[in-house]
N, C-alpha and C. Protein backbone atom coordinates (compact mmCIF):
# COMPACT_ATOMS: atom_id res chain seq x y z
N MET A 1 -12.55 -12.96 95.19
CA MET A 1 -11.25 -12.29 94.94
C MET A 1 -11.51 -10.82 94.62
N SER A 2 -10.74 -9.97 95.31
CA SER A 2 -10.95 -8.54 95.10
C SER A 2 -10.48 -8.14 93.72
N GLU A 3 -10.92 -6.93 93.32
CA GLU A 3 -10.53 -6.40 92.01
C GLU A 3 -9.02 -6.22 91.92
N GLU A 4 -8.42 -5.80 93.04
CA GLU A 4 -6.97 -5.58 93.07
C GLU A 4 -6.22 -6.90 92.90
N ASN A 5 -6.72 -7.96 93.55
CA ASN A 5 -6.07 -9.26 93.42
C ASN A 5 -6.19 -9.81 91.99
N LYS A 6 -7.36 -9.56 91.37
CA LYS A 6 -7.54 -9.98 89.98
C LYS A 6 -6.53 -9.31 89.06
N ASN A 7 -6.34 -7.99 89.29
CA ASN A 7 -5.40 -7.23 88.46
C ASN A 7 -3.98 -7.73 88.66
N ASN A 8 -3.63 -8.03 89.94
CA ASN A 8 -2.28 -8.52 90.23
C ASN A 8 -2.06 -9.89 89.59
N SER A 9 -3.10 -10.73 89.63
CA SER A 9 -2.99 -12.06 89.02
C SER A 9 -2.81 -11.96 87.52
N LEU A 10 -3.56 -11.06 86.88
CA LEU A 10 -3.44 -10.86 85.44
C LEU A 10 -2.06 -10.34 85.09
N LEU A 11 -1.56 -9.40 85.91
CA LEU A 11 -0.24 -8.82 85.68
C LEU A 11 0.85 -9.88 85.77
N LYS A 12 0.73 -10.78 86.76
CA LYS A 12 1.71 -11.85 86.92
C LYS A 12 1.68 -12.81 85.73
N LYS A 13 0.47 -13.09 85.23
CA LYS A 13 0.36 -13.97 84.07
C LYS A 13 1.05 -13.36 82.85
N ILE A 14 0.85 -12.04 82.69
CA ILE A 14 1.48 -11.35 81.57
C ILE A 14 2.99 -11.37 81.71
N GLN A 15 3.48 -11.11 82.95
CA GLN A 15 4.91 -11.11 83.21
C GLN A 15 5.51 -12.49 82.94
N ASN A 16 4.80 -13.54 83.40
CA ASN A 16 5.28 -14.91 83.18
C ASN A 16 5.32 -15.25 81.70
N PHE A 17 4.29 -14.80 80.97
CA PHE A 17 4.24 -15.07 79.53
C PHE A 17 5.41 -14.40 78.82
N ILE A 18 5.67 -13.13 79.17
CA ILE A 18 6.78 -12.40 78.55
C ILE A 18 8.11 -13.04 78.91
N PHE A 19 8.25 -13.46 80.18
CA PHE A 19 9.51 -14.06 80.63
C PHE A 19 9.79 -15.37 79.90
N LYS A 20 8.75 -16.18 79.71
CA LYS A 20 8.91 -17.48 79.07
C LYS A 20 9.10 -17.36 77.56
N ASN A 21 8.57 -16.29 76.98
CA ASN A 21 8.57 -16.19 75.51
C ASN A 21 9.31 -14.95 75.01
N TYR A 22 10.18 -14.40 75.86
CA TYR A 22 10.79 -13.12 75.48
C TYR A 22 11.65 -13.23 74.23
N ILE A 23 12.30 -14.40 74.03
CA ILE A 23 13.15 -14.55 72.84
C ILE A 23 12.29 -14.50 71.57
N GLN A 24 11.18 -15.26 71.59
CA GLN A 24 10.27 -15.24 70.43
C GLN A 24 9.68 -13.86 70.20
N LEU A 25 9.37 -13.15 71.29
CA LEU A 25 8.81 -11.80 71.16
C LEU A 25 9.82 -10.84 70.57
N ILE A 26 11.06 -10.96 71.02
CA ILE A 26 12.11 -10.07 70.49
C ILE A 26 12.33 -10.34 69.00
N ILE A 27 12.35 -11.63 68.63
CA ILE A 27 12.53 -11.98 67.21
C ILE A 27 11.38 -11.43 66.37
N SER A 28 10.15 -11.57 66.90
CA SER A 28 8.98 -11.06 66.19
C SER A 28 9.05 -9.55 66.01
N LEU A 29 9.46 -8.85 67.07
CA LEU A 29 9.57 -7.39 66.99
C LEU A 29 10.65 -6.97 66.00
N VAL A 30 11.76 -7.71 66.00
CA VAL A 30 12.85 -7.39 65.06
C VAL A 30 12.38 -7.59 63.62
N ILE A 31 11.65 -8.71 63.40
CA ILE A 31 11.13 -8.99 62.05
C ILE A 31 10.17 -7.88 61.60
N LEU A 32 9.27 -7.48 62.50
CA LEU A 32 8.34 -6.39 62.18
C LEU A 32 9.07 -5.10 61.87
N LEU A 33 10.13 -4.84 62.64
CA LEU A 33 10.92 -3.62 62.43
C LEU A 33 11.60 -3.65 61.07
N ILE A 34 12.16 -4.83 60.74
CA ILE A 34 12.83 -4.97 59.43
C ILE A 34 11.84 -4.77 58.30
N ILE A 35 10.65 -5.38 58.45
CA ILE A 35 9.61 -5.23 57.42
C ILE A 35 9.21 -3.76 57.28
N PHE A 36 9.03 -3.07 58.41
CA PHE A 36 8.63 -1.66 58.38
C PHE A 36 9.71 -0.81 57.70
N ILE A 37 10.98 -1.04 58.09
CA ILE A 37 12.08 -0.27 57.50
C ILE A 37 12.18 -0.57 56.00
N GLY A 38 12.03 -1.86 55.66
CA GLY A 38 12.10 -2.24 54.25
C GLY A 38 11.01 -1.59 53.43
N PHE A 39 9.78 -1.56 53.99
CA PHE A 39 8.65 -0.94 53.30
C PHE A 39 8.89 0.56 53.11
N GLN A 40 9.38 1.22 54.16
CA GLN A 40 9.65 2.65 54.07
C GLN A 40 10.76 2.94 53.05
N THR A 41 11.78 2.07 53.05
CA THR A 41 12.89 2.25 52.10
C THR A 41 12.40 2.07 50.66
N TYR A 42 11.57 1.04 50.46
CA TYR A 42 11.00 0.79 49.12
C TYR A 42 10.20 2.00 48.66
N ASN A 43 9.34 2.52 49.54
CA ASN A 43 8.52 3.69 49.19
C ASN A 43 9.39 4.89 48.85
N TYR A 44 10.46 5.06 49.62
CA TYR A 44 11.36 6.21 49.40
C TYR A 44 11.96 6.14 48.00
N PHE A 45 12.53 4.97 47.66
CA PHE A 45 13.17 4.84 46.36
C PHE A 45 12.15 4.87 45.23
N LYS A 46 10.93 4.35 45.50
CA LYS A 46 9.87 4.41 44.50
C LYS A 46 9.51 5.86 44.19
N ILE A 47 9.39 6.65 45.23
CA ILE A 47 9.07 8.08 45.06
C ILE A 47 10.20 8.78 44.32
N GLN A 48 11.44 8.44 44.66
CA GLN A 48 12.58 9.06 43.98
C GLN A 48 12.60 8.70 42.51
N ASP A 49 12.27 7.43 42.19
CA ASP A 49 12.23 7.01 40.79
C ASP A 49 11.15 7.77 40.02
N ILE A 50 9.99 7.96 40.65
CA ILE A 50 8.90 8.69 40.01
C ILE A 50 9.30 10.15 39.77
N LYS A 51 9.96 10.75 40.77
CA LYS A 51 10.43 12.13 40.62
C LYS A 51 11.42 12.24 39.47
N LYS A 52 12.34 11.27 39.41
CA LYS A 52 13.34 11.27 38.35
C LYS A 52 12.69 11.13 36.98
N SER A 53 11.73 10.20 36.88
CA SER A 53 11.01 10.00 35.62
C SER A 53 10.22 11.25 35.24
N SER A 54 9.62 11.88 36.23
CA SER A 54 8.84 13.09 35.99
C SER A 54 9.71 14.20 35.41
N ILE A 55 10.87 14.41 36.02
CA ILE A 55 11.78 15.46 35.54
C ILE A 55 12.24 15.16 34.12
N SER A 56 12.62 13.91 33.90
CA SER A 56 13.09 13.51 32.56
C SER A 56 12.00 13.68 31.52
N PHE A 57 10.78 13.25 31.85
CA PHE A 57 9.67 13.32 30.90
C PHE A 57 9.41 14.75 30.47
N PHE A 58 9.27 15.65 31.43
CA PHE A 58 8.93 17.04 31.09
C PHE A 58 10.10 17.77 30.43
N ASP A 59 11.34 17.40 30.78
CA ASP A 59 12.50 18.00 30.12
C ASP A 59 12.54 17.61 28.65
N ILE A 60 12.27 16.33 28.36
CA ILE A 60 12.28 15.86 26.97
C ILE A 60 11.17 16.54 26.15
N ILE A 61 9.98 16.61 26.75
CA ILE A 61 8.84 17.25 26.06
C ILE A 61 9.13 18.72 25.81
N LYS A 62 9.72 19.37 26.78
CA LYS A 62 9.98 20.81 26.69
C LYS A 62 11.08 21.13 25.69
N ASN A 63 12.12 20.30 25.66
CA ASN A 63 13.31 20.64 24.87
C ASN A 63 13.14 20.43 23.38
N ASP A 64 12.43 19.37 22.99
CA ASP A 64 12.31 19.10 21.54
C ASP A 64 11.07 18.27 21.25
N GLN A 65 10.03 18.92 20.75
CA GLN A 65 8.80 18.22 20.40
C GLN A 65 8.98 17.35 19.14
N ASN A 66 10.00 17.66 18.35
CA ASN A 66 10.21 16.93 17.09
C ASN A 66 11.01 15.65 17.28
N ASP A 67 11.76 15.58 18.36
CA ASP A 67 12.56 14.38 18.62
C ASP A 67 12.26 13.89 20.03
N LEU A 68 11.40 12.89 20.10
CA LEU A 68 11.00 12.35 21.40
C LEU A 68 11.61 10.97 21.64
N SER A 69 12.66 10.65 20.89
CA SER A 69 13.24 9.31 21.00
C SER A 69 13.76 9.01 22.40
N ASN A 70 14.16 10.06 23.13
CA ASN A 70 14.67 9.83 24.49
C ASN A 70 13.59 9.34 25.45
N LEU A 71 12.33 9.49 25.05
CA LEU A 71 11.25 8.96 25.90
C LEU A 71 11.31 7.44 25.98
N GLU A 72 11.99 6.82 25.02
CA GLU A 72 12.11 5.37 25.05
C GLU A 72 12.89 4.90 26.27
N ASN A 73 13.69 5.80 26.84
CA ASN A 73 14.43 5.46 28.06
C ASN A 73 13.51 5.36 29.27
N LEU A 74 12.29 5.87 29.16
CA LEU A 74 11.37 5.90 30.30
C LEU A 74 10.28 4.85 30.22
N ILE A 75 10.13 4.19 29.07
CA ILE A 75 8.95 3.34 28.89
C ILE A 75 9.00 2.06 29.73
N ASP A 76 10.15 1.73 30.28
CA ASP A 76 10.25 0.53 31.11
C ASP A 76 10.30 0.84 32.60
N ASP A 77 10.00 2.09 32.98
CA ASP A 77 10.12 2.50 34.38
C ASP A 77 8.98 2.00 35.27
N ASN A 78 7.93 1.48 34.66
CA ASN A 78 6.82 0.89 35.41
C ASN A 78 6.14 1.89 36.35
N ASN A 79 5.86 3.09 35.85
CA ASN A 79 5.11 4.08 36.63
C ASN A 79 4.27 4.91 35.65
N ILE A 80 3.60 5.93 36.18
CA ILE A 80 2.69 6.73 35.36
C ILE A 80 3.41 7.40 34.19
N PHE A 81 4.70 7.74 34.38
CA PHE A 81 5.43 8.42 33.31
C PHE A 81 5.87 7.45 32.22
N SER A 82 5.92 6.17 32.55
CA SER A 82 6.12 5.16 31.51
C SER A 82 4.91 5.14 30.58
N ILE A 83 3.71 5.18 31.16
CA ILE A 83 2.47 5.20 30.38
C ILE A 83 2.38 6.46 29.54
N LEU A 84 2.66 7.61 30.16
CA LEU A 84 2.61 8.88 29.43
C LEU A 84 3.63 8.92 28.30
N SER A 85 4.81 8.34 28.54
CA SER A 85 5.85 8.31 27.51
C SER A 85 5.40 7.47 26.32
N LYS A 86 4.77 6.32 26.59
CA LYS A 86 4.28 5.47 25.51
C LYS A 86 3.19 6.18 24.71
N LEU A 87 2.28 6.86 25.42
CA LEU A 87 1.21 7.58 24.72
C LEU A 87 1.77 8.70 23.85
N LYS A 88 2.79 9.38 24.35
CA LYS A 88 3.40 10.47 23.58
C LYS A 88 4.15 9.91 22.37
N LEU A 89 4.83 8.79 22.57
CA LEU A 89 5.53 8.16 21.45
C LEU A 89 4.55 7.63 20.40
N ILE A 90 3.42 7.11 20.86
CA ILE A 90 2.38 6.66 19.92
C ILE A 90 1.89 7.82 19.08
N GLN A 91 1.61 8.94 19.74
CA GLN A 91 1.14 10.12 19.02
C GLN A 91 2.15 10.55 17.95
N LYS A 92 3.42 10.58 18.33
CA LYS A 92 4.46 11.03 17.41
C LYS A 92 4.65 10.05 16.25
N ASN A 93 4.62 8.77 16.56
CA ASN A 93 4.80 7.76 15.51
C ASN A 93 3.61 7.69 14.58
N ASN A 94 2.42 7.98 15.09
CA ASN A 94 1.25 8.06 14.22
C ASN A 94 1.38 9.21 13.23
N GLU A 95 1.87 10.33 13.74
CA GLU A 95 2.08 11.49 12.86
C GLU A 95 3.09 11.16 11.76
N ASN A 96 4.07 10.32 12.10
CA ASN A 96 5.10 9.95 11.13
C ASN A 96 4.74 8.70 10.33
N LYS A 97 3.49 8.23 10.50
CA LYS A 97 2.99 7.06 9.78
C LYS A 97 3.77 5.78 10.13
N ASN A 98 4.39 5.78 11.29
CA ASN A 98 5.10 4.58 11.74
C ASN A 98 4.15 3.75 12.60
N PHE A 99 3.15 3.20 11.96
CA PHE A 99 2.05 2.56 12.70
C PHE A 99 2.46 1.24 13.35
N SER A 100 3.41 0.55 12.77
CA SER A 100 3.80 -0.75 13.34
C SER A 100 4.39 -0.58 14.74
N TYR A 101 5.18 0.49 14.93
CA TYR A 101 5.76 0.74 16.25
C TYR A 101 4.68 1.20 17.22
N SER A 102 3.77 2.03 16.75
CA SER A 102 2.64 2.45 17.59
C SER A 102 1.83 1.25 18.04
N ASN A 103 1.64 0.31 17.13
CA ASN A 103 0.87 -0.89 17.45
C ASN A 103 1.53 -1.69 18.58
N GLU A 104 2.85 -1.81 18.53
CA GLU A 104 3.56 -2.54 19.60
C GLU A 104 3.41 -1.82 20.94
N LEU A 105 3.46 -0.50 20.92
CA LEU A 105 3.30 0.26 22.17
C LEU A 105 1.87 0.13 22.70
N PHE A 106 0.90 0.14 21.79
CA PHE A 106 -0.49 -0.07 22.21
C PHE A 106 -0.64 -1.42 22.92
N LYS A 107 -0.04 -2.46 22.34
CA LYS A 107 -0.14 -3.80 22.92
C LYS A 107 0.48 -3.84 24.32
N GLU A 108 1.61 -3.17 24.48
CA GLU A 108 2.27 -3.13 25.79
C GLU A 108 1.39 -2.42 26.82
N LEU A 109 0.78 -1.32 26.41
CA LEU A 109 -0.08 -0.57 27.33
C LEU A 109 -1.29 -1.38 27.76
N ILE A 110 -1.95 -1.99 26.80
CA ILE A 110 -3.19 -2.69 27.10
C ILE A 110 -2.96 -3.97 27.89
N SER A 111 -1.78 -4.56 27.72
CA SER A 111 -1.48 -5.78 28.47
C SER A 111 -1.12 -5.50 29.92
N SER A 112 -0.96 -4.22 30.26
CA SER A 112 -0.60 -3.86 31.64
C SER A 112 -1.78 -4.13 32.56
N SER A 113 -1.56 -4.95 33.58
CA SER A 113 -2.62 -5.30 34.53
C SER A 113 -2.93 -4.15 35.48
N LYS A 114 -2.06 -3.14 35.52
CA LYS A 114 -2.24 -2.04 36.47
C LYS A 114 -3.25 -1.01 35.98
N LEU A 115 -3.63 -1.08 34.73
CA LEU A 115 -4.54 -0.08 34.19
C LEU A 115 -5.97 -0.33 34.65
N ASP A 116 -6.62 0.72 35.09
CA ASP A 116 -8.04 0.66 35.41
C ASP A 116 -8.84 0.38 34.13
N ASP A 117 -10.01 -0.26 34.28
CA ASP A 117 -10.84 -0.60 33.11
C ASP A 117 -11.16 0.61 32.24
N LEU A 118 -11.39 1.75 32.89
CA LEU A 118 -11.74 2.96 32.13
C LEU A 118 -10.58 3.39 31.24
N TYR A 119 -9.36 3.41 31.80
CA TYR A 119 -8.19 3.83 31.01
C TYR A 119 -7.85 2.79 29.95
N LYS A 120 -7.97 1.51 30.33
CA LYS A 120 -7.68 0.45 29.36
C LYS A 120 -8.67 0.51 28.19
N SER A 121 -9.94 0.76 28.49
CA SER A 121 -10.96 0.86 27.43
C SER A 121 -10.70 2.05 26.53
N SER A 122 -10.30 3.16 27.14
CA SER A 122 -10.01 4.37 26.36
C SER A 122 -8.84 4.14 25.41
N ILE A 123 -7.76 3.53 25.94
CA ILE A 123 -6.59 3.26 25.11
C ILE A 123 -6.93 2.22 24.04
N ALA A 124 -7.71 1.20 24.41
CA ALA A 124 -8.09 0.16 23.45
C ALA A 124 -8.93 0.73 22.31
N ALA A 125 -9.85 1.63 22.63
CA ALA A 125 -10.67 2.27 21.60
C ALA A 125 -9.80 3.12 20.68
N ASN A 126 -8.90 3.89 21.28
CA ASN A 126 -7.97 4.71 20.50
C ASN A 126 -7.11 3.85 19.59
N ALA A 127 -6.62 2.74 20.14
CA ALA A 127 -5.79 1.82 19.35
C ALA A 127 -6.58 1.23 18.18
N SER A 128 -7.83 0.90 18.43
CA SER A 128 -8.67 0.30 17.38
C SER A 128 -8.88 1.26 16.22
N TYR A 129 -9.29 2.50 16.54
CA TYR A 129 -9.49 3.49 15.48
C TYR A 129 -8.19 3.76 14.72
N THR A 130 -7.09 3.88 15.48
CA THR A 130 -5.79 4.18 14.87
C THR A 130 -5.36 3.08 13.91
N MET A 131 -5.48 1.83 14.35
CA MET A 131 -4.99 0.73 13.53
C MET A 131 -5.95 0.38 12.38
N ILE A 132 -7.23 0.71 12.52
CA ILE A 132 -8.13 0.59 11.37
C ILE A 132 -7.69 1.58 10.29
N ASN A 133 -7.40 2.80 10.70
CA ASN A 133 -6.90 3.80 9.76
C ASN A 133 -5.58 3.35 9.15
N ALA A 134 -4.70 2.78 9.98
CA ALA A 134 -3.40 2.30 9.49
C ALA A 134 -3.57 1.19 8.47
N SER A 135 -4.56 0.34 8.67
CA SER A 135 -4.82 -0.76 7.74
C SER A 135 -5.15 -0.22 6.35
N TYR A 136 -5.94 0.85 6.30
CA TYR A 136 -6.27 1.47 5.02
C TYR A 136 -5.06 2.21 4.43
N GLU A 137 -4.33 2.91 5.31
CA GLU A 137 -3.16 3.68 4.84
C GLU A 137 -2.12 2.75 4.21
N GLU A 138 -1.91 1.61 4.84
CA GLU A 138 -0.87 0.68 4.37
C GLU A 138 -1.43 -0.44 3.51
N ASN A 139 -2.77 -0.46 3.37
CA ASN A 139 -3.45 -1.49 2.58
C ASN A 139 -3.00 -2.89 3.02
N THR A 140 -3.14 -3.15 4.32
CA THR A 140 -2.65 -4.42 4.86
C THR A 140 -3.65 -5.05 5.83
N ASN A 141 -3.63 -6.38 5.86
CA ASN A 141 -4.44 -7.13 6.82
C ASN A 141 -3.68 -7.42 8.13
N ASN A 142 -2.45 -6.98 8.19
CA ASN A 142 -1.57 -7.39 9.30
C ASN A 142 -2.07 -6.98 10.68
N TYR A 143 -2.86 -5.93 10.74
CA TYR A 143 -3.28 -5.42 12.04
C TYR A 143 -4.65 -5.93 12.50
N LEU A 144 -5.33 -6.68 11.65
CA LEU A 144 -6.73 -7.02 11.95
C LEU A 144 -6.90 -7.84 13.23
N ASN A 145 -6.01 -8.80 13.45
CA ASN A 145 -6.11 -9.60 14.68
C ASN A 145 -5.87 -8.76 15.92
N ASP A 146 -4.91 -7.84 15.81
CA ASP A 146 -4.63 -6.95 16.94
C ASP A 146 -5.82 -6.03 17.22
N ILE A 147 -6.43 -5.53 16.13
CA ILE A 147 -7.60 -4.66 16.30
C ILE A 147 -8.72 -5.41 17.01
N SER A 148 -8.93 -6.65 16.61
CA SER A 148 -9.96 -7.47 17.26
C SER A 148 -9.66 -7.64 18.75
N SER A 149 -8.39 -7.82 19.08
CA SER A 149 -7.98 -7.95 20.48
C SER A 149 -8.22 -6.64 21.24
N TYR A 150 -7.91 -5.51 20.60
CA TYR A 150 -8.16 -4.22 21.25
C TYR A 150 -9.64 -4.03 21.55
N ILE A 151 -10.47 -4.35 20.57
CA ILE A 151 -11.92 -4.20 20.75
C ILE A 151 -12.41 -5.07 21.91
N ASN A 152 -11.88 -6.27 22.01
CA ASN A 152 -12.27 -7.17 23.11
C ASN A 152 -11.86 -6.63 24.48
N ASN A 153 -10.86 -5.75 24.49
CA ASN A 153 -10.40 -5.17 25.75
C ASN A 153 -11.20 -3.95 26.18
N ILE A 154 -12.16 -3.54 25.37
CA ILE A 154 -13.07 -2.45 25.77
C ILE A 154 -14.12 -3.06 26.69
N SER A 155 -14.19 -2.57 27.89
CA SER A 155 -15.03 -3.19 28.92
C SER A 155 -16.51 -3.09 28.58
N ASP A 156 -17.22 -4.21 28.75
CA ASP A 156 -18.67 -4.23 28.55
C ASP A 156 -19.41 -3.60 29.74
N LYS A 157 -18.68 -3.38 30.83
CA LYS A 157 -19.30 -2.83 32.04
C LYS A 157 -19.42 -1.30 31.99
N LEU A 158 -18.75 -0.68 31.03
CA LEU A 158 -18.75 0.78 30.93
C LEU A 158 -19.78 1.22 29.90
N ASP A 159 -20.87 1.79 30.36
CA ASP A 159 -21.95 2.19 29.46
C ASP A 159 -21.49 3.16 28.38
N GLY A 160 -20.59 4.06 28.76
CA GLY A 160 -20.13 5.06 27.81
C GLY A 160 -19.36 4.50 26.64
N TYR A 161 -18.89 3.25 26.78
CA TYR A 161 -18.09 2.65 25.70
C TYR A 161 -18.87 1.60 24.91
N PHE A 162 -20.11 1.35 25.28
CA PHE A 162 -20.89 0.32 24.58
C PHE A 162 -21.07 0.69 23.10
N SER A 163 -21.51 1.92 22.84
CA SER A 163 -21.73 2.36 21.45
C SER A 163 -20.44 2.35 20.65
N ILE A 164 -19.37 2.80 21.29
CA ILE A 164 -18.06 2.85 20.62
C ILE A 164 -17.61 1.44 20.25
N LYS A 165 -17.80 0.51 21.18
CA LYS A 165 -17.39 -0.88 20.91
C LYS A 165 -18.17 -1.46 19.74
N LYS A 166 -19.47 -1.21 19.69
CA LYS A 166 -20.28 -1.73 18.59
C LYS A 166 -19.88 -1.10 17.26
N GLU A 167 -19.61 0.19 17.27
CA GLU A 167 -19.16 0.84 16.05
C GLU A 167 -17.85 0.24 15.56
N LEU A 168 -16.92 0.00 16.49
CA LEU A 168 -15.63 -0.56 16.11
C LEU A 168 -15.77 -1.99 15.58
N GLU A 169 -16.67 -2.76 16.18
CA GLU A 169 -16.91 -4.12 15.66
C GLU A 169 -17.38 -4.07 14.21
N TYR A 170 -18.26 -3.12 13.93
CA TYR A 170 -18.76 -2.96 12.57
C TYR A 170 -17.65 -2.47 11.63
N LEU A 171 -16.88 -1.49 12.07
CA LEU A 171 -15.81 -0.94 11.24
C LEU A 171 -14.74 -1.99 10.93
N LEU A 172 -14.48 -2.87 11.89
CA LEU A 172 -13.50 -3.92 11.64
C LEU A 172 -13.98 -4.86 10.52
N ILE A 173 -15.25 -5.18 10.54
CA ILE A 173 -15.82 -6.02 9.48
C ILE A 173 -15.72 -5.32 8.12
N ILE A 174 -16.05 -4.03 8.10
CA ILE A 174 -15.96 -3.24 6.86
C ILE A 174 -14.52 -3.18 6.35
N THR A 175 -13.59 -2.99 7.28
CA THR A 175 -12.17 -2.92 6.90
C THR A 175 -11.72 -4.22 6.25
N GLU A 176 -12.11 -5.32 6.84
CA GLU A 176 -11.74 -6.63 6.29
C GLU A 176 -12.36 -6.83 4.91
N ILE A 177 -13.61 -6.41 4.74
CA ILE A 177 -14.29 -6.53 3.43
C ILE A 177 -13.56 -5.69 2.39
N ASP A 178 -13.24 -4.44 2.75
CA ASP A 178 -12.58 -3.54 1.78
C ASP A 178 -11.19 -4.04 1.40
N LEU A 179 -10.42 -4.49 2.40
CA LEU A 179 -9.05 -4.92 2.11
C LEU A 179 -9.04 -6.21 1.29
N ASN A 180 -10.04 -7.04 1.50
CA ASN A 180 -10.12 -8.28 0.73
C ASN A 180 -10.89 -8.12 -0.58
N LYS A 181 -11.35 -6.86 -0.82
CA LYS A 181 -12.11 -6.53 -2.04
C LYS A 181 -13.32 -7.45 -2.20
N SER A 182 -14.01 -7.68 -1.08
CA SER A 182 -15.21 -8.51 -1.09
C SER A 182 -16.44 -7.63 -1.31
N GLU A 183 -17.58 -8.27 -1.49
CA GLU A 183 -18.84 -7.55 -1.69
C GLU A 183 -19.55 -7.40 -0.35
N TYR A 184 -19.81 -6.15 0.01
CA TYR A 184 -20.48 -5.86 1.29
C TYR A 184 -21.86 -6.51 1.36
N LYS A 185 -22.62 -6.41 0.29
CA LYS A 185 -23.99 -6.91 0.31
C LYS A 185 -24.07 -8.43 0.43
N ASN A 186 -22.92 -9.09 0.18
CA ASN A 186 -22.88 -10.55 0.31
C ASN A 186 -22.35 -11.00 1.67
N SER A 187 -22.03 -10.03 2.52
CA SER A 187 -21.46 -10.36 3.83
C SER A 187 -22.56 -10.42 4.89
N ALA A 188 -22.92 -11.63 5.27
CA ALA A 188 -23.95 -11.80 6.32
C ALA A 188 -23.46 -11.21 7.64
N LYS A 189 -22.16 -11.33 7.89
CA LYS A 189 -21.60 -10.82 9.14
C LYS A 189 -21.77 -9.31 9.24
N ALA A 190 -21.51 -8.61 8.13
CA ALA A 190 -21.63 -7.16 8.11
C ALA A 190 -23.08 -6.72 8.27
N LEU A 191 -23.98 -7.38 7.53
CA LEU A 191 -25.40 -7.00 7.59
C LEU A 191 -26.02 -7.34 8.94
N ASP A 192 -25.60 -8.46 9.53
CA ASP A 192 -26.10 -8.83 10.86
C ASP A 192 -25.64 -7.82 11.91
N LYS A 193 -24.38 -7.40 11.79
CA LYS A 193 -23.86 -6.42 12.76
C LYS A 193 -24.56 -5.07 12.58
N TYR A 194 -24.81 -4.70 11.33
CA TYR A 194 -25.54 -3.45 11.08
C TYR A 194 -26.92 -3.50 11.72
N ASN A 195 -27.64 -4.59 11.51
CA ASN A 195 -29.00 -4.73 12.09
C ASN A 195 -28.95 -4.77 13.62
N GLU A 196 -27.93 -5.43 14.15
CA GLU A 196 -27.78 -5.50 15.61
C GLU A 196 -27.63 -4.09 16.19
N ILE A 197 -26.80 -3.29 15.55
CA ILE A 197 -26.56 -1.92 16.03
C ILE A 197 -27.83 -1.07 15.89
N PHE A 198 -28.46 -1.17 14.73
CA PHE A 198 -29.61 -0.31 14.47
C PHE A 198 -30.81 -0.67 15.33
N ASN A 199 -30.90 -1.91 15.75
CA ASN A 199 -32.04 -2.35 16.57
C ASN A 199 -31.76 -2.26 18.07
N SER A 200 -30.58 -1.82 18.41
CA SER A 200 -30.22 -1.73 19.83
C SER A 200 -30.63 -0.38 20.41
N SER A 201 -31.28 -0.42 21.54
CA SER A 201 -31.67 0.83 22.22
C SER A 201 -30.50 1.40 23.01
N LEU A 202 -29.42 0.65 23.12
CA LEU A 202 -28.26 1.09 23.92
C LEU A 202 -27.23 1.85 23.08
N VAL A 203 -27.33 1.72 21.76
CA VAL A 203 -26.39 2.42 20.88
C VAL A 203 -26.88 3.83 20.64
N SER A 204 -25.98 4.79 20.75
CA SER A 204 -26.36 6.20 20.61
C SER A 204 -26.81 6.53 19.19
N ASP A 205 -27.64 7.57 19.07
CA ASP A 205 -28.16 7.98 17.75
C ASP A 205 -27.03 8.45 16.83
N SER A 206 -26.02 9.11 17.40
CA SER A 206 -24.92 9.61 16.57
C SER A 206 -24.14 8.46 15.95
N ILE A 207 -23.93 7.39 16.72
CA ILE A 207 -23.23 6.21 16.19
C ILE A 207 -24.10 5.55 15.12
N LYS A 208 -25.38 5.43 15.37
CA LYS A 208 -26.29 4.83 14.39
C LYS A 208 -26.27 5.61 13.08
N GLU A 209 -26.23 6.92 13.18
CA GLU A 209 -26.22 7.76 11.98
C GLU A 209 -24.94 7.53 11.18
N ARG A 210 -23.80 7.43 11.87
CA ARG A 210 -22.54 7.18 11.18
C ARG A 210 -22.55 5.80 10.50
N ILE A 211 -23.05 4.81 11.24
CA ILE A 211 -23.11 3.46 10.71
C ILE A 211 -24.03 3.40 9.48
N LYS A 212 -25.14 4.13 9.55
CA LYS A 212 -26.08 4.15 8.44
C LYS A 212 -25.44 4.70 7.16
N LYS A 213 -24.66 5.77 7.31
CA LYS A 213 -23.99 6.37 6.15
C LYS A 213 -22.99 5.40 5.54
N ILE A 214 -22.24 4.70 6.40
CA ILE A 214 -21.28 3.72 5.90
C ILE A 214 -22.01 2.57 5.20
N HIS A 215 -23.08 2.11 5.81
CA HIS A 215 -23.90 1.03 5.26
C HIS A 215 -24.41 1.39 3.86
N GLU A 216 -24.95 2.58 3.72
CA GLU A 216 -25.49 3.00 2.42
C GLU A 216 -24.39 3.19 1.40
N PHE A 217 -23.26 3.72 1.83
CA PHE A 217 -22.13 3.89 0.92
C PHE A 217 -21.65 2.53 0.41
N GLN A 218 -21.54 1.56 1.32
CA GLN A 218 -21.06 0.23 0.94
C GLN A 218 -22.06 -0.47 0.00
N LEU A 219 -23.34 -0.24 0.20
CA LEU A 219 -24.35 -0.88 -0.65
C LEU A 219 -24.33 -0.36 -2.08
N TYR A 220 -24.08 0.94 -2.23
CA TYR A 220 -24.27 1.56 -3.52
C TYR A 220 -22.98 2.06 -4.17
N LYS A 221 -21.86 1.71 -3.61
CA LYS A 221 -20.60 2.21 -4.22
C LYS A 221 -20.28 1.46 -5.52
């Protein structure tokens, strides 16, 4: 069979296939078109929502640094400006010693599955230090479980956060000892964590130095 006859035969097969299945093909094309239009429409409105949130966020920040309550209107928008609004509200509430509200915002941020490990670890570390300080400021044990959860959310895969995580684990133990008015030298958990940190080659020297000062203060206070 010549090359021309082969091409004609193939063309006829294609024509027959289209003729026999044209209804299914048309339906498939219509479905694909609807999906494409729907996707484009979704993207359009998503972009518009982000633009709207962006304008609102910067207007609120610009107009009144002392009253950021309007940022609460943005925290449920499920975009980058929702995250930025929560972080700004946390900062403001920390300044006003309203730690319980900051704690709730921290929990919302960290529970977000959309956060990259690096950002989640950064926020979790910030939350841990903040709520340890809040525990002393308010002389309360109420935040200890949340702090433990924050520390657990600091990724073990990020080398830069290994030392920070170990320091926070130690500080949480110290906080619990101080709030419960227990004896540091009688706490096996505290001394074991201290030795673990000091014997680790992965913990930075600056963290070890800070831990050593706390350790000595607790022993001889």
